[in-house]
Amino acid sequence: MNRWIWITAIGMLLINSRAGYAQNLRFSSWSNNYLQLTSYSGNTAADAFTLRFEANGDIDVPLWKISVRLKQAIVSDSYVFPETKIGFQPSATTGQMEPGPVPTVTQIGIPGDSRLSQGQEVFIVPQSAVSLHHSPSAPNGYYDLQIRYNLVVEGGRYLSQFRSWMNFYIPLEFKAYDEHNNVIGITEHTYQLQIGQLSGNFPSEEQFAIKVSANAVNGTLNLSSLSDYVNGTRVEYENGLSVKANTGYQVVVRSLQPSFSSASGNTLPLQTVSLLLQPVTGHAVSVFRIYLNAVSQMVVRGEDTQGNYEYFNIIYATEPNDETLVKATPDLYITTLQYEIIPL
């Protein structure tokens, strides 16, 4: 069964967050740079990429993020390899820091699967829920955080168009940002994908696609006035979500963290924010307003989109006179949401 996933972040700003400091921070990467396909079922290169932050001395960078960008089409002769068949899946985190331990993939809020999109930045860490933080006991103590990714090539009938021993080269740019969108570092790789002698059967031809638009990747609810607390507040991202399916589908959403949290350690219940997807294209779909939860909840149910994308406005909101928000410590609270499309 095919599953397509997209990750976005949603935050509530109750007061401006403090700035981090990252003068010593360095960003680098490593790759095995090669994968061969020998089956119509696709293949996975384990730990194909390692993305690394290093520093000496104190650092504190909340809300950091990492993107990957496909710099140009993946071409061999006159053949183009579809970039949407290529995904990044986090496998592990390692490193050393004080205080420990090293944060896990889940604690950081890393998407389970991120697909390439030519010319566009795809955030494989949309907005970290854990700071890059180091307070060493020794002067200039060493900090190291490594995030490992598998490179996954989806199988399918599309592979039959390629000749054996064709080589495709995937030019990638990785970019790390701090909380103010300042670039921490940039690194590039050209990954070789070779078509071997393909065997096996074609996998299911169910096709799904889901995407959160660039303007909705990092959503923010700003409670900045008394009216926002008394009447509730909302933010709407037009055409924020698009989906495509060749069979009946549902979109489910869950938070990758158990609560909203801030860089200073404050938390808020997920249920303080509601989510509604408002149809734009006018086709017959069912939508369901939910309160955020760490358990997957259905927000849309629809039918075959007939080869077209269905668009939805994303609406986040808080309730009027929510006592939890009234009593909350002013801070910037975030969580990471996973949008997933699956067959009915």
C-alpha atoms as a PDB file:
ATOM      1  CA  MET A   1       0.000   0.000   0.000  1.00  0.00           C
ATOM      2  CA  ASN A   2       1.459   3.345  -1.006  1.00  0.00           C
ATOM      3  CA  ARG A   3       1.665   6.100   1.585  1.00  0.00           C
ATOM      4  CA  TRP A   4       2.766   9.635   0.869  1.00  0.00           C
ATOM      5  CA  ILE A   5       3.709  11.900   3.734  1.00  0.00           C
ATOM      6  CA  TRP A   6       4.362  15.605   4.112  1.00  0.00           C
ATOM      7  CA  ILE A   7       5.612  17.326   7.238  1.00  0.00           C
ATOM      8  CA  THR A   8       4.967  20.868   8.383  1.00  0.00           C
ATOM      9  CA  ALA A   9       5.457  22.817  11.579  1.00  0.00           C
ATOM     10  CA  ILE A  10       2.954  24.869  13.522  1.00  0.00           C
ATOM     11  CA  GLY A  11       3.831  27.270  16.302  1.00  0.00           C
ATOM     12  CA  MET A  12       2.125  29.631  18.730  1.00  0.00           C
ATOM     13  CA  LEU A  13       3.925  32.876  19.440  1.00  0.00           C
ATOM     14  CA  LEU A  14       3.046  34.351  22.826  1.00  0.00           C
ATOM     15  CA  ILE A  15       6.164  36.517  22.975  1.00  0.00           C
ATOM     16  CA  ASN A  16       9.330  36.919  20.920  1.00  0.00           C
ATOM     17  CA  SER A  17      11.748  34.072  21.556  1.00  0.00           C
ATOM     18  CA  ARG A  18      15.323  34.719  22.586  1.00  0.00           C
ATOM     19  CA  ALA A  19      17.999  34.642  19.916  1.00  0.00           C
ATOM     20  CA  GLY A  20      20.356  31.690  19.775  1.00  0.00           C
ATOM     21  CA  TYR A  21      24.089  31.932  19.349  1.00  0.00           C
ATOM     22  CA  ALA A  22      25.858  29.862  16.715  1.00  0.00           C
ATOM     23  CA  GLN A  23      29.082  31.609  15.769  1.00  0.00           C
ATOM     24  CA  ASN A  24      31.055  28.386  16.212  1.00  0.00           C
ATOM     25  CA  LEU A  25      28.593  26.115  14.439  1.00  0.00           C
ATOM     26  CA  ARG A  26      29.675  24.219  11.311  1.00  0.00           C
ATOM     27  CA  PHE A  27      27.521  22.220   8.883  1.00  0.00           C
ATOM     28  CA  SER A  28      28.898  19.429   6.675  1.00  0.00           C
ATOM     29  CA  SER A  29      27.832  16.154   5.068  1.00  0.00           C
ATOM     30  CA  TRP A  30      28.987  12.795   3.762  1.00  0.00           C
ATOM     31  CA  SER A  31      27.465  10.412   1.200  1.00  0.00           C
ATOM     32  CA  ASN A  32      28.122   6.986  -0.303  1.00  0.00           C
ATOM     33  CA  ASN A  33      27.007   8.562  -3.623  1.00  0.00           C
ATOM     34  CA  TYR A  34      25.880   5.353  -5.371  1.00  0.00           C
ATOM     35  CA  LEU A  35      22.809   3.118  -5.636  1.00  0.00           C
ATOM     36  CA  GLN A  36      21.970   0.447  -8.217  1.00  0.00           C
ATOM     37  CA  LEU A  37      18.417  -0.617  -9.076  1.00  0.00           C
ATOM     38  CA  THR A  38      18.026  -4.321  -9.857  1.00  0.00           C
ATOM     39  CA  SER A  39      14.299  -4.795  -9.181  1.00  0.00           C
ATOM     40  CA  TYR A  40      11.042  -3.218 -10.285  1.00  0.00           C
ATOM     41  CA  SER A  41      10.295  -2.959  -6.566  1.00  0.00           C
ATOM     42  CA  GLY A  42      12.883  -0.198  -6.185  1.00  0.00           C
ATOM     43  CA  ASN A  43      15.767  -0.079  -3.740  1.00  0.00           C
ATOM     44  CA  THR A  44      17.091   1.647  -0.623  1.00  0.00           C
ATOM     45  CA  ALA A  45      20.606   2.902   0.066  1.00  0.00           C
ATOM     46  CA  ALA A  46      21.045   2.566   3.823  1.00  0.00           C
ATOM     47  CA  ASP A  47      22.658   5.599   5.491  1.00  0.00           C
ATOM     48  CA  ALA A  48      23.216   7.183   2.084  1.00  0.00           C
ATOM     49  CA  PHE A  49      23.689  10.644   3.614  1.00  0.00           C
ATOM     50  CA  THR A  50      25.021  11.893   6.933  1.00  0.00           C
ATOM     51  CA  LEU A  51      24.319  15.541   7.779  1.00  0.00           C
ATOM     52  CA  ARG A  52      26.497  16.914  10.550  1.00  0.00           C
ATOM     53  CA  PHE A  53      26.653  19.878  12.925  1.00  0.00           C
ATOM     54  CA  GLU A  54      29.917  20.509  14.787  1.00  0.00           C
ATOM     55  CA  ALA A  55      31.049  23.201  17.210  1.00  0.00           C
ATOM     56  CA  ASN A  56      33.534  24.003  19.945  1.00  0.00           C
ATOM     57  CA  GLY A  57      32.244  25.773  23.007  1.00  0.00           C
ATOM     58  CA  ASP A  58      28.777  27.016  23.905  1.00  0.00           C
ATOM     59  CA  ILE A  59      26.000  26.981  21.317  1.00  0.00           C
ATOM     60  CA  ASP A  60      22.239  27.369  21.552  1.00  0.00           C
ATOM     61  CA  VAL A  61      20.245  27.399  18.309  1.00  0.00           C
ATOM     62  CA  PRO A  62      16.489  26.700  18.583  1.00  0.00           C
ATOM     63  CA  LEU A  63      14.124  26.142  15.659  1.00  0.00           C
ATOM     64  CA  TRP A  64      16.878  25.189  13.197  1.00  0.00           C
ATOM     65  CA  LYS A  65      15.998  23.480   9.931  1.00  0.00           C
ATOM     66  CA  ILE A  66      17.580  21.668   6.980  1.00  0.00           C
ATOM     67  CA  SER A  67      16.473  21.632   3.347  1.00  0.00           C
ATOM     68  CA  VAL A  68      17.475  19.657   0.275  1.00  0.00           C
ATOM     69  CA  ARG A  69      17.122  21.035  -3.247  1.00  0.00           C
ATOM     70  CA  LEU A  70      17.349  19.159  -6.538  1.00  0.00           C
ATOM     71  CA  LYS A  71      19.382  21.607  -8.595  1.00  0.00           C
ATOM     72  CA  GLN A  72      18.298  20.348 -12.026  1.00  0.00           C
ATOM     73  CA  ALA A  73      16.424  17.522 -13.746  1.00  0.00           C
ATOM     74  CA  ILE A  74      17.776  13.981 -13.384  1.00  0.00           C
ATOM     75  CA  VAL A  75      18.662  13.174 -17.001  1.00  0.00           C
ATOM     76  CA  SER A  76      20.456  10.415 -18.916  1.00  0.00           C
ATOM     77  CA  ASP A  77      20.530  10.889 -22.700  1.00  0.00           C
ATOM     78  CA  SER A  78      16.930  11.872 -23.494  1.00  0.00           C
ATOM     79  CA  TYR A  79      15.462  10.072 -20.464  1.00  0.00           C
ATOM     80  CA  VAL A  80      14.311  11.891 -17.341  1.00  0.00           C
ATOM     81  CA  PHE A  81      14.110  10.102 -14.005  1.00  0.00           C
ATOM     82  CA  PRO A  82      11.037  11.314 -12.026  1.00  0.00           C
ATOM     83  CA  GLU A  83      12.333  13.043  -8.903  1.00  0.00           C
ATOM     84  CA  THR A  84       9.108  12.362  -6.990  1.00  0.00           C
ATOM     85  CA  LYS A  85      10.092   8.686  -6.887  1.00  0.00           C
ATOM     86  CA  ILE A  86      13.122   9.555  -4.730  1.00  0.00           C
ATOM     87  CA  GLY A  87      12.762  10.046  -0.996  1.00  0.00           C
ATOM     88  CA  PHE A  88      14.813  10.696   2.122  1.00  0.00           C
ATOM     89  CA  GLN A  89      14.057   8.658   5.246  1.00  0.00           C
ATOM     90  CA  PRO A  90      15.876   9.325   8.537  1.00  0.00           C
ATOM     91  CA  SER A  91      17.551   6.260  10.014  1.00  0.00           C
ATOM     92  CA  ALA A  92      19.372   7.421  13.157  1.00  0.00           C
ATOM     93  CA  THR A  93      21.065  10.221  15.061  1.00  0.00           C
ATOM     94  CA  THR A  94      24.491  10.004  16.710  1.00  0.00           C
ATOM     95  CA  GLY A  95      27.007  12.389  18.218  1.00  0.00           C
ATOM     96  CA  GLN A  96      28.155  13.892  21.500  1.00  0.00           C
ATOM     97  CA  MET A  97      27.105  16.931  23.507  1.00  0.00           C
ATOM     98  CA  GLU A  98      26.712  18.294  27.030  1.00  0.00           C
ATOM     99  CA  PRO A  99      24.260  17.787  28.478  1.00  0.00           C
ATOM    100  CA  GLY A 100      23.259  14.593  26.690  1.00  0.00           C
ATOM    101  CA  PRO A 101      21.750  12.447  25.451  1.00  0.00           C
ATOM    102  CA  VAL A 102      21.744  12.922  21.678  1.00  0.00           C
ATOM    103  CA  PRO A 103      18.157  13.763  20.582  1.00  0.00           C
ATOM    104  CA  THR A 104      16.367  11.106  18.557  1.00  0.00           C
ATOM    105  CA  VAL A 105      14.765  11.429  15.129  1.00  0.00           C
ATOM    106  CA  THR A 106      11.333  11.630  16.767  1.00  0.00           C
ATOM    107  CA  GLN A 107      12.385  14.195  19.369  1.00  0.00           C
ATOM    108  CA  ILE A 108      13.780  16.483  16.667  1.00  0.00           C
ATOM    109  CA  GLY A 109      10.597  16.074  14.601  1.00  0.00           C
ATOM    110  CA  ILE A 110      12.164  14.749  11.402  1.00  0.00           C
ATOM    111  CA  PRO A 111       9.722  13.629   8.667  1.00  0.00           C
ATOM    112  CA  GLY A 112       9.496   9.905   8.027  1.00  0.00           C
ATOM    113  CA  ASP A 113       9.664  10.437   4.255  1.00  0.00           C
ATOM    114  CA  SER A 114      10.526  13.534   2.186  1.00  0.00           C
ATOM    115  CA  ARG A 115      10.283  13.550  -1.626  1.00  0.00           C
ATOM    116  CA  LEU A 116      12.391  15.626  -3.988  1.00  0.00           C
ATOM    117  CA  SER A 117      10.878  18.462  -6.018  1.00  0.00           C
ATOM    118  CA  GLN A 118      12.993  19.939  -8.814  1.00  0.00           C
ATOM    119  CA  GLY A 119      14.252  23.445  -8.133  1.00  0.00           C
ATOM    120  CA  GLN A 120      12.433  23.719  -4.804  1.00  0.00           C
ATOM    121  CA  GLU A 121      13.730  23.446  -1.278  1.00  0.00           C
ATOM    122  CA  VAL A 122      12.217  20.468   0.526  1.00  0.00           C
ATOM    123  CA  PHE A 123      12.638  20.729   4.279  1.00  0.00           C
ATOM    124  CA  ILE A 124      13.811  17.367   5.569  1.00  0.00           C
ATOM    125  CA  VAL A 125      13.909  19.020   9.010  1.00  0.00           C
ATOM    126  CA  PRO A 126      11.100  21.613   8.760  1.00  0.00           C
ATOM    127  CA  GLN A 127      11.633  23.155  12.203  1.00  0.00           C
ATOM    128  CA  SER A 128      13.429  21.292  14.939  1.00  0.00           C
ATOM    129  CA  ALA A 129      11.667  20.758  18.232  1.00  0.00           C
ATOM    130  CA  VAL A 130      15.076  20.386  19.944  1.00  0.00           C
ATOM    131  CA  SER A 131      17.744  23.088  20.053  1.00  0.00           C
ATOM    132  CA  LEU A 132      21.323  22.635  18.928  1.00  0.00           C
ATOM    133  CA  HIS A 133      22.538  23.106  22.491  1.00  0.00           C
ATOM    134  CA  HIS A 134      25.922  22.613  24.122  1.00  0.00           C
ATOM    135  CA  SER A 135      27.210  23.790  27.510  1.00  0.00           C
ATOM    136  CA  PRO A 136      30.553  21.992  27.834  1.00  0.00           C
ATOM    137  CA  SER A 137      32.255  21.488  31.188  1.00  0.00           C
ATOM    138  CA  ALA A 138      35.652  22.102  29.563  1.00  0.00           C
ATOM    139  CA  PRO A 139      36.528  25.267  27.598  1.00  0.00           C
ATOM    140  CA  ASN A 140      35.814  24.832  23.877  1.00  0.00           C
ATOM    141  CA  GLY A 141      34.356  21.379  24.483  1.00  0.00           C
ATOM    142  CA  TYR A 142      33.427  19.524  21.284  1.00  0.00           C
ATOM    143  CA  TYR A 143      29.827  19.286  20.012  1.00  0.00           C
ATOM    144  CA  ASP A 144      28.718  16.815  17.338  1.00  0.00           C
ATOM    145  CA  LEU A 145      25.261  15.948  15.976  1.00  0.00           C
ATOM    146  CA  GLN A 146      24.919  13.598  13.002  1.00  0.00           C
ATOM    147  CA  ILE A 147      21.654  12.781  11.235  1.00  0.00           C
ATOM    148  CA  ARG A 148      21.695   9.773   8.923  1.00  0.00           C
ATOM    149  CA  TYR A 149      19.316   9.364   6.001  1.00  0.00           C
ATOM    150  CA  ASN A 150      18.412   6.448   3.781  1.00  0.00           C
ATOM    151  CA  LEU A 151      17.867   7.231   0.102  1.00  0.00           C
ATOM    152  CA  VAL A 152      14.757   5.410  -1.137  1.00  0.00           C
ATOM    153  CA  VAL A 153      13.869   4.906  -4.808  1.00  0.00           C
ATOM    154  CA  GLU A 154      10.242   3.865  -5.253  1.00  0.00           C
ATOM    155  CA  GLY A 155       9.527   0.928  -7.530  1.00  0.00           C
ATOM    156  CA  GLY A 156       6.965   0.809 -10.304  1.00  0.00           C
ATOM    157  CA  ARG A 157       6.189   0.249 -13.963  1.00  0.00           C
ATOM    158  CA  TYR A 158       7.924   3.538 -14.837  1.00  0.00           C
ATOM    159  CA  LEU A 159      11.298   1.786 -14.465  1.00  0.00           C
ATOM    160  CA  SER A 160      10.609  -0.328 -17.575  1.00  0.00           C
ATOM    161  CA  GLN A 161      11.346   2.668 -19.841  1.00  0.00           C
ATOM    162  CA  PHE A 162      15.023   2.690 -18.847  1.00  0.00           C
ATOM    163  CA  ARG A 163      17.797   0.572 -20.404  1.00  0.00           C
ATOM    164  CA  SER A 164      20.117  -1.551 -18.291  1.00  0.00           C
ATOM    165  CA  TRP A 165      23.324   0.200 -17.215  1.00  0.00           C
ATOM    166  CA  MET A 166      21.961   3.704 -17.692  1.00  0.00           C
ATOM    167  CA  ASN A 167      23.420   6.144 -15.173  1.00  0.00           C
ATOM    168  CA  PHE A 168      21.483   9.047 -13.695  1.00  0.00           C
ATOM    169  CA  TYR A 169      23.172  11.744 -11.619  1.00  0.00           C
ATOM    170  CA  ILE A 170      21.225  13.529  -8.893  1.00  0.00           C
ATOM    171  CA  PRO A 171      22.657  17.007  -8.080  1.00  0.00           C
ATOM    172  CA  LEU A 172      21.656  17.924  -4.536  1.00  0.00           C
ATOM    173  CA  GLU A 173      22.171  20.961  -2.333  1.00  0.00           C
ATOM    174  CA  PHE A 174      21.696  20.720   1.437  1.00  0.00           C
ATOM    175  CA  LYS A 175      21.257  23.933   3.409  1.00  0.00           C
ATOM    176  CA  ALA A 176      20.992  24.458   7.180  1.00  0.00           C
ATOM    177  CA  TYR A 177      19.288  27.512   8.724  1.00  0.00           C
ATOM    178  CA  ASP A 178      19.020  28.991  12.194  1.00  0.00           C
ATOM    179  CA  GLU A 179      15.783  30.298  13.732  1.00  0.00           C
ATOM    180  CA  HIS A 180      16.112  33.623  11.904  1.00  0.00           C
ATOM    181  CA  ASN A 181      16.578  31.935   8.501  1.00  0.00           C
ATOM    182  CA  ASN A 182      20.272  32.803   8.491  1.00  0.00           C
ATOM    183  CA  VAL A 183      22.251  30.179   6.600  1.00  0.00           C
ATOM    184  CA  ILE A 184      24.462  28.082   8.884  1.00  0.00           C
ATOM    185  CA  GLY A 185      26.046  26.177   6.013  1.00  0.00           C
ATOM    186  CA  ILE A 186      25.606  24.709   2.530  1.00  0.00           C
ATOM    187  CA  THR A 187      26.898  21.403   1.201  1.00  0.00           C
ATOM    188  CA  GLU A 188      26.452  19.673  -2.178  1.00  0.00           C
ATOM    189  CA  HIS A 189      26.535  16.117  -3.527  1.00  0.00           C
ATOM    190  CA  THR A 190      26.006  14.499  -6.911  1.00  0.00           C
ATOM    191  CA  TYR A 191      24.492  11.073  -6.308  1.00  0.00           C
ATOM    192  CA  GLN A 192      24.817   8.312  -8.932  1.00  0.00           C
ATOM    193  CA  LEU A 193      21.787   6.127  -9.623  1.00  0.00           C
ATOM    194  CA  GLN A 194      22.441   3.176 -11.937  1.00  0.00           C
ATOM    195  CA  ILE A 195      19.795   1.053 -13.656  1.00  0.00           C
ATOM    196  CA  GLY A 196      20.890  -2.588 -13.481  1.00  0.00           C
ATOM    197  CA  GLN A 197      19.183  -5.632 -14.957  1.00  0.00           C
ATOM    198  CA  LEU A 198      15.705  -5.249 -13.529  1.00  0.00           C
ATOM    199  CA  SER A 199      13.773  -8.282 -12.321  1.00  0.00           C
ATOM    200  CA  GLY A 200      10.631  -9.089 -10.361  1.00  0.00           C
ATOM    201  CA  ASN A 201       7.026  -7.921 -10.697  1.00  0.00           C
ATOM    202  CA  PHE A 202       5.609  -4.426 -10.897  1.00  0.00           C
ATOM    203  CA  PRO A 203       4.289  -3.209  -7.516  1.00  0.00           C
ATOM    204  CA  SER A 204       0.771  -1.859  -7.069  1.00  0.00           C
ATOM    205  CA  GLU A 205      -0.078   1.036  -9.353  1.00  0.00           C
ATOM    206  CA  GLU A 206      -1.980   3.008  -6.723  1.00  0.00           C
ATOM    207  CA  GLN A 207      -0.715   6.562  -7.058  1.00  0.00           C
ATOM    208  CA  PHE A 208      -0.865   9.244  -4.378  1.00  0.00           C
ATOM    209  CA  ALA A 209       0.670  12.676  -3.924  1.00  0.00           C
ATOM    210  CA  ILE A 210       0.452  15.192  -1.104  1.00  0.00           C
ATOM    211  CA  LYS A 211       2.198  18.510  -0.602  1.00  0.00           C
ATOM    212  CA  VAL A 212       2.141  21.449   1.785  1.00  0.00           C
ATOM    213  CA  SER A 213       2.793  24.727  -0.030  1.00  0.00           C
ATOM    214  CA  ALA A 214       5.863  26.807   0.781  1.00  0.00           C
ATOM    215  CA  ASN A 215       3.789  29.512   2.491  1.00  0.00           C
ATOM    216  CA  ALA A 216       2.254  26.960   4.882  1.00  0.00           C
ATOM    217  CA  VAL A 217       5.312  24.879   5.773  1.00  0.00           C
ATOM    218  CA  ASN A 218       5.913  26.890   8.946  1.00  0.00           C
ATOM    219  CA  GLY A 219       2.540  27.979  10.300  1.00  0.00           C
ATOM    220  CA  THR A 220       2.256  30.491  13.143  1.00  0.00           C
ATOM    221  CA  LEU A 221      -0.622  31.459  15.417  1.00  0.00           C
ATOM    222  CA  ASN A 222       0.203  34.800  17.029  1.00  0.00           C
ATOM    223  CA  LEU A 223      -1.533  35.646  20.312  1.00  0.00           C
ATOM    224  CA  SER A 224      -0.400  39.242  20.739  1.00  0.00           C
ATOM    225  CA  SER A 225      -3.432  41.062  22.164  1.00  0.00           C
ATOM    226  CA  LEU A 226      -6.122  40.622  24.783  1.00  0.00           C
ATOM    227  CA  SER A 227      -8.628  40.094  21.964  1.00  0.00           C
ATOM    228  CA  ASP A 228      -6.659  37.085  20.725  1.00  0.00           C
ATOM    229  CA  TYR A 229      -7.145  35.394  24.102  1.00  0.00           C
ATOM    230  CA  VAL A 230     -10.761  36.465  24.619  1.00  0.00           C
ATOM    231  CA  ASN A 231     -12.057  35.760  21.102  1.00  0.00           C
ATOM    232  CA  GLY A 232      -9.558  33.170  19.950  1.00  0.00           C
ATOM    233  CA  THR A 233      -7.306  33.610  16.951  1.00  0.00           C
ATOM    234  CA  ARG A 234      -6.924  31.885  13.599  1.00  0.00           C
ATOM    235  CA  VAL A 235      -4.592  31.791  10.633  1.00  0.00           C
ATOM    236  CA  GLU A 236      -5.475  30.583   7.139  1.00  0.00           C
ATOM    237  CA  TYR A 237      -3.040  29.457   4.447  1.00  0.00           C
ATOM    238  CA  GLU A 238      -4.698  29.597   1.033  1.00  0.00           C
ATOM    239  CA  ASN A 239      -4.061  26.534  -1.143  1.00  0.00           C
ATOM    240  CA  GLY A 240      -1.881  25.293   1.697  1.00  0.00           C
ATOM    241  CA  LEU A 241      -2.387  21.587   0.955  1.00  0.00           C
ATOM    242  CA  SER A 242      -2.710  19.763  -2.361  1.00  0.00           C
ATOM    243  CA  VAL A 243      -3.445  16.075  -2.934  1.00  0.00           C
ATOM    244  CA  LYS A 244      -3.809  13.742  -5.881  1.00  0.00           C
ATOM    245  CA  ALA A 245      -5.025  10.129  -5.949  1.00  0.00           C
ATOM    246  CA  ASN A 246      -6.220   7.572  -8.474  1.00  0.00           C
ATOM    247  CA  THR A 247      -8.495   5.849  -5.957  1.00  0.00           C
ATOM    248  CA  GLY A 248     -10.494   6.737  -2.866  1.00  0.00           C
ATOM    249  CA  TYR A 249      -8.268   8.372  -0.267  1.00  0.00           C
ATOM    250  CA  GLN A 250      -8.102   9.873   3.172  1.00  0.00           C
ATOM    251  CA  VAL A 251      -5.758  12.456   4.644  1.00  0.00           C
ATOM    252  CA  VAL A 252      -4.721  11.921   8.245  1.00  0.00           C
ATOM    253  CA  VAL A 253      -2.733  14.248  10.502  1.00  0.00           C
ATOM    254  CA  ARG A 254      -0.790  13.754  13.706  1.00  0.00           C
ATOM    255  CA  SER A 255       1.783  15.602  15.766  1.00  0.00           C
ATOM    256  CA  LEU A 256       5.229  14.042  15.951  1.00  0.00           C
ATOM    257  CA  GLN A 257       5.606  15.391  19.504  1.00  0.00           C
ATOM    258  CA  PRO A 258       3.297  14.805  22.499  1.00  0.00           C
ATOM    259  CA  SER A 259       2.805  18.535  23.132  1.00  0.00           C
ATOM    260  CA  PHE A 260       3.731  22.017  22.000  1.00  0.00           C
ATOM    261  CA  SER A 261       7.115  22.874  23.510  1.00  0.00           C
ATOM    262  CA  SER A 262       9.455  25.842  23.679  1.00  0.00           C
ATOM    263  CA  ALA A 263      13.233  26.097  23.594  1.00  0.00           C
ATOM    264  CA  SER A 264      13.154  27.030  27.286  1.00  0.00           C
ATOM    265  CA  GLY A 265      11.261  23.859  28.231  1.00  0.00           C
ATOM    266  CA  ASN A 266       7.690  25.148  28.559  1.00  0.00           C
ATOM    267  CA  THR A 267       4.857  23.040  27.130  1.00  0.00           C
ATOM    268  CA  LEU A 268       1.234  23.392  26.022  1.00  0.00           C
ATOM    269  CA  PRO A 269      -1.329  20.679  25.210  1.00  0.00           C
ATOM    270  CA  LEU A 270      -1.736  19.922  21.518  1.00  0.00           C
ATOM    271  CA  GLN A 271      -5.508  20.230  21.892  1.00  0.00           C
ATOM    272  CA  THR A 272      -5.246  24.017  22.314  1.00  0.00           C
ATOM    273  CA  VAL A 273      -5.144  24.281  18.491  1.00  0.00           C
ATOM    274  CA  SER A 274      -7.750  23.064  15.998  1.00  0.00           C
ATOM    275  CA  LEU A 275      -7.212  22.247  12.324  1.00  0.00           C
ATOM    276  CA  LEU A 276      -9.626  22.427   9.399  1.00  0.00           C
ATOM    277  CA  LEU A 277      -8.901  21.824   5.711  1.00  0.00           C
ATOM    278  CA  GLN A 278     -11.258  23.922   3.581  1.00  0.00           C
ATOM    279  CA  PRO A 279     -11.808  22.638   0.000  1.00  0.00           C
ATOM    280  CA  VAL A 280     -10.940  25.122  -2.743  1.00  0.00           C
ATOM    281  CA  THR A 281     -11.632  23.255  -5.980  1.00  0.00           C
ATOM    282  CA  GLY A 282     -15.266  22.442  -5.224  1.00  0.00           C
ATOM    283  CA  HIS A 283     -15.141  18.673  -5.732  1.00  0.00           C
ATOM    284  CA  ALA A 284     -17.131  16.402  -3.449  1.00  0.00           C
ATOM    285  CA  VAL A 285     -14.989  15.700  -0.392  1.00  0.00           C
ATOM    286  CA  SER A 286     -15.735  15.296   3.292  1.00  0.00           C
ATOM    287  CA  VAL A 287     -13.701  17.374   5.750  1.00  0.00           C
ATOM    288  CA  PHE A 288     -13.456  17.024   9.519  1.00  0.00           C
ATOM    289  CA  ARG A 289     -12.372  19.672  12.029  1.00  0.00           C
ATOM    290  CA  ILE A 290     -10.015  18.214  14.611  1.00  0.00           C
ATOM    291  CA  TYR A 291      -7.987  19.247  17.622  1.00  0.00           C
ATOM    292  CA  LEU A 292      -4.324  18.406  17.262  1.00  0.00           C
ATOM    293  CA  ASN A 293      -3.223  15.103  18.737  1.00  0.00           C
ATOM    294  CA  ALA A 294      -0.248  12.757  18.669  1.00  0.00           C
ATOM    295  CA  VAL A 295      -2.619  10.077  17.319  1.00  0.00           C
ATOM    296  CA  SER A 296      -3.486  10.141  13.596  1.00  0.00           C
ATOM    297  CA  GLN A 297      -6.895  11.692  12.857  1.00  0.00           C
ATOM    298  CA  MET A 298      -8.736  11.852   9.542  1.00  0.00           C
ATOM    299  CA  VAL A 299      -9.235  15.395   8.226  1.00  0.00           C
ATOM    300  CA  VAL A 300     -10.306  14.685   4.609  1.00  0.00           C
ATOM    301  CA  ARG A 301     -12.015  11.828   2.775  1.00  0.00           C
ATOM    302  CA  GLY A 302     -12.270  11.939  -1.019  1.00  0.00           C
ATOM    303  CA  GLU A 303     -12.470   9.974  -4.251  1.00  0.00           C
ATOM    304  CA  ASP A 304     -10.296   9.584  -7.359  1.00  0.00           C
ATOM    305  CA  THR A 305      -9.106  13.081  -8.326  1.00  0.00           C
ATOM    306  CA  GLN A 306      -9.046  12.154 -12.045  1.00  0.00           C
ATOM    307  CA  GLY A 307      -5.419  13.085 -12.502  1.00  0.00           C
ATOM    308  CA  ASN A 308      -5.849  16.582 -11.048  1.00  0.00           C
ATOM    309  CA  TYR A 309      -4.758  18.103  -7.761  1.00  0.00           C
ATOM    310  CA  GLU A 310      -7.322  18.931  -5.089  1.00  0.00           C
ATOM    311  CA  TYR A 311      -6.455  22.084  -3.130  1.00  0.00           C
ATOM    312  CA  PHE A 312      -7.338  22.933   0.453  1.00  0.00           C
ATOM    313  CA  ASN A 313      -6.887  26.013   2.623  1.00  0.00           C
ATOM    314  CA  ILE A 314      -5.249  25.120   5.939  1.00  0.00           C
ATOM    315  CA  ILE A 315      -6.904  26.798   8.930  1.00  0.00           C
ATOM    316  CA  TYR A 316      -5.393  26.682  12.429  1.00  0.00           C
ATOM    317  CA  ALA A 317      -7.322  28.251  15.314  1.00  0.00           C
ATOM    318  CA  THR A 318      -7.558  28.596  19.085  1.00  0.00           C
ATOM    319  CA  GLU A 319     -10.731  28.664  21.174  1.00  0.00           C
ATOM    320  CA  PRO A 320     -12.092  31.804  22.902  1.00  0.00           C
ATOM    321  CA  ASN A 321     -11.172  32.229  26.568  1.00  0.00           C
ATOM    322  CA  ASP A 322      -8.984  29.131  26.649  1.00  0.00           C
ATOM    323  CA  GLU A 323      -7.793  29.084  30.249  1.00  0.00           C
ATOM    324  CA  THR A 324      -4.755  27.003  29.311  1.00  0.00           C
ATOM    325  CA  LEU A 325      -3.512  29.754  27.005  1.00  0.00           C
ATOM    326  CA  VAL A 326      -4.412  32.544  29.434  1.00  0.00           C
ATOM    327  CA  LYS A 327      -2.271  30.924  32.139  1.00  0.00           C
ATOM    328  CA  ALA A 328       0.568  29.896  29.802  1.00  0.00           C
ATOM    329  CA  THR A 329       4.045  31.377  30.131  1.00  0.00           C
ATOM    330  CA  PRO A 330       4.675  33.780  27.213  1.00  0.00           C
ATOM    331  CA  ASP A 331       7.000  31.950  24.824  1.00  0.00           C
ATOM    332  CA  LEU A 332       7.263  30.473  21.336  1.00  0.00           C
ATOM    333  CA  TYR A 333       5.735  26.987  21.348  1.00  0.00           C
ATOM    334  CA  ILE A 334       6.101  24.606  18.421  1.00  0.00           C
ATOM    335  CA  THR A 335       5.229  21.126  17.266  1.00  0.00           C
ATOM    336  CA  THR A 336       5.667  19.241  14.003  1.00  0.00           C
ATOM    337  CA  LEU A 337       2.696  17.865  12.063  1.00  0.00           C
ATOM    338  CA  GLN A 338       2.686  14.908   9.698  1.00  0.00           C
ATOM    339  CA  TYR A 339       0.143  14.974   6.854  1.00  0.00           C
ATOM    340  CA  GLU A 340      -0.350  11.569   5.222  1.00  0.00           C
ATOM    341  CA  ILE A 341      -2.508  10.382   2.302  1.00  0.00           C
ATOM    342  CA  ILE A 342      -3.551   6.730   2.254  1.00  0.00           C
ATOM    343  CA  PRO A 343      -6.152   4.688   0.345  1.00  0.00           C
ATOM    344  CA  LEU A 344      -9.604   4.167   1.807  1.00  0.00           C
END
